[in-house]
Amino acid sequence: MKSIKARFKKEQELDNGASDYINLFKAVVHQKFTRRTISEWFNKLVDKDDYEPKERNALIIQLYEASNQSEEYVYEPEIESDKEYGEQSIT
């Protein structure tokens, strides 16, 4: 099994415009990494200024869930309309 770092670097090379979180998500999906491993690499690979501590914890949980889903499952975030700003947000 390739390490998270190797998968992350490969995703960066394939999609240079994506955020570190998106590249990390692609690196861990369906790979069965532990929450501890994901948390350690999240803290090493994602800039600490990108997310508040509360957001970081929620994102780590999301990464863990994506990593441990069966391969038949495709993660599709729910999109809610933000009526106040006329934009969409992902929940």
Protein backbone atom coordinates (compact mmCIF):
# COMPACT_ATOMS: atom_id res chain seq x y z
CA MET A 1 0.00 0.00 0.00
CA LYS A 2 1.35 3.42 -0.94
CA SER A 3 1.68 5.97 1.81
CA ILE A 4 -0.70 8.88 2.11
CA LYS A 5 2.15 11.24 1.29
CA ALA A 6 2.96 9.45 -1.98
CA ARG A 7 -0.70 9.41 -3.01
CA PHE A 8 -1.06 13.08 -2.03
CA LYS A 9 1.97 14.09 -4.12
CA LYS A 10 0.60 12.15 -7.09
CA GLU A 11 -2.74 13.97 -6.80
CA GLN A 12 -0.93 17.31 -6.62
CA GLU A 13 0.88 16.49 -9.85
CA LEU A 14 -2.34 15.43 -11.58
CA ASP A 15 -4.43 18.42 -10.47
CA ASN A 16 -2.16 21.31 -9.54
CA GLY A 17 -5.04 23.73 -8.96
CA ALA A 18 -6.82 21.68 -6.28
CA SER A 19 -6.55 22.53 -2.60
CA ASP A 20 -4.43 20.43 -0.26
CA TYR A 21 -7.62 19.10 1.36
CA ILE A 22 -9.04 17.93 -1.99
CA ASN A 23 -5.74 16.25 -2.89
CA LEU A 24 -5.67 14.55 0.51
CA PHE A 25 -9.28 13.44 0.10
CA LYS A 26 -8.44 11.85 -3.25
CA ALA A 27 -5.38 10.22 -1.70
CA VAL A 28 -7.27 8.49 1.12
CA VAL A 29 -10.62 7.58 -0.44
CA HIS A 30 -11.31 3.80 -0.21
CA GLN A 31 -7.82 3.11 1.19
CA LYS A 32 -8.79 1.98 4.72
CA PHE A 33 -6.44 4.29 6.64
CA THR A 34 -6.93 4.70 10.39
CA ARG A 35 -8.22 7.97 11.81
CA ARG A 36 -4.91 8.46 13.62
CA THR A 37 -2.92 8.07 10.40
CA ILE A 38 -5.21 10.43 8.52
CA SER A 39 -5.03 12.98 11.33
CA GLU A 40 -1.22 12.88 11.41
CA TRP A 41 -0.93 13.38 7.65
CA PHE A 42 -3.65 16.03 7.58
CA ASN A 43 -1.61 18.04 10.08
CA LYS A 44 1.57 17.58 8.02
CA LEU A 45 0.12 18.19 4.54
CA VAL A 46 -2.61 20.80 4.99
CA ASP A 47 -1.60 24.35 5.91
CA LYS A 48 -2.63 25.09 9.48
CA ASP A 49 -3.94 28.52 8.45
CA ASP A 50 -6.41 27.04 5.95
CA TYR A 51 -8.90 25.85 8.60
CA GLU A 52 -9.92 26.64 12.18
CA PRO A 53 -9.35 23.81 14.71
CA LYS A 54 -13.07 22.92 14.81
CA GLU A 55 -13.17 22.71 11.00
CA ARG A 56 -10.01 20.61 10.93
CA ASN A 57 -11.56 17.99 13.24
CA ALA A 58 -14.70 17.80 11.08
CA LEU A 59 -12.59 17.43 7.92
CA ILE A 60 -10.50 14.66 9.49
CA ILE A 61 -13.70 12.76 10.33
CA GLN A 62 -14.88 13.25 6.74
CA LEU A 63 -11.55 11.93 5.41
CA TYR A 64 -11.71 8.91 7.71
CA GLU A 65 -15.25 8.10 6.57
CA ALA A 66 -14.26 8.43 2.90
CA SER A 67 -11.21 6.26 3.47
CA ASN A 68 -13.25 3.48 5.02
CA GLN A 69 -16.24 3.39 2.68
CA SER A 70 -16.66 0.45 0.37
CA GLU A 71 -15.50 1.01 -3.20
CA GLU A 72 -19.09 0.88 -4.42
CA TYR A 73 -19.86 3.98 -2.35
CA VAL A 74 -19.21 7.29 -4.06
CA TYR A 75 -18.98 10.33 -1.78
CA GLU A 76 -21.36 13.05 -2.92
CA PRO A 77 -21.59 16.03 -0.58
CA GLU A 78 -24.98 17.62 -0.10
CA ILE A 79 -25.26 21.05 -1.67
CA GLU A 80 -27.49 23.60 -0.04
CA SER A 81 -28.48 26.90 -1.58
CA ASP A 82 -27.36 29.91 0.38
CA LYS A 83 -30.34 32.18 -0.27
CA GLU A 84 -28.82 35.14 1.54
CA TYR A 85 -25.80 35.25 -0.77
CA GLY A 86 -27.22 33.50 -3.81
CA GLU A 87 -24.44 30.91 -3.71
CA GLN A 88 -24.23 27.20 -3.03
CA SER A 89 -22.44 25.71 -0.07
CA ILE A 90 -21.36 22.12 0.53
CA THR A 91 -22.43 20.46 3.76
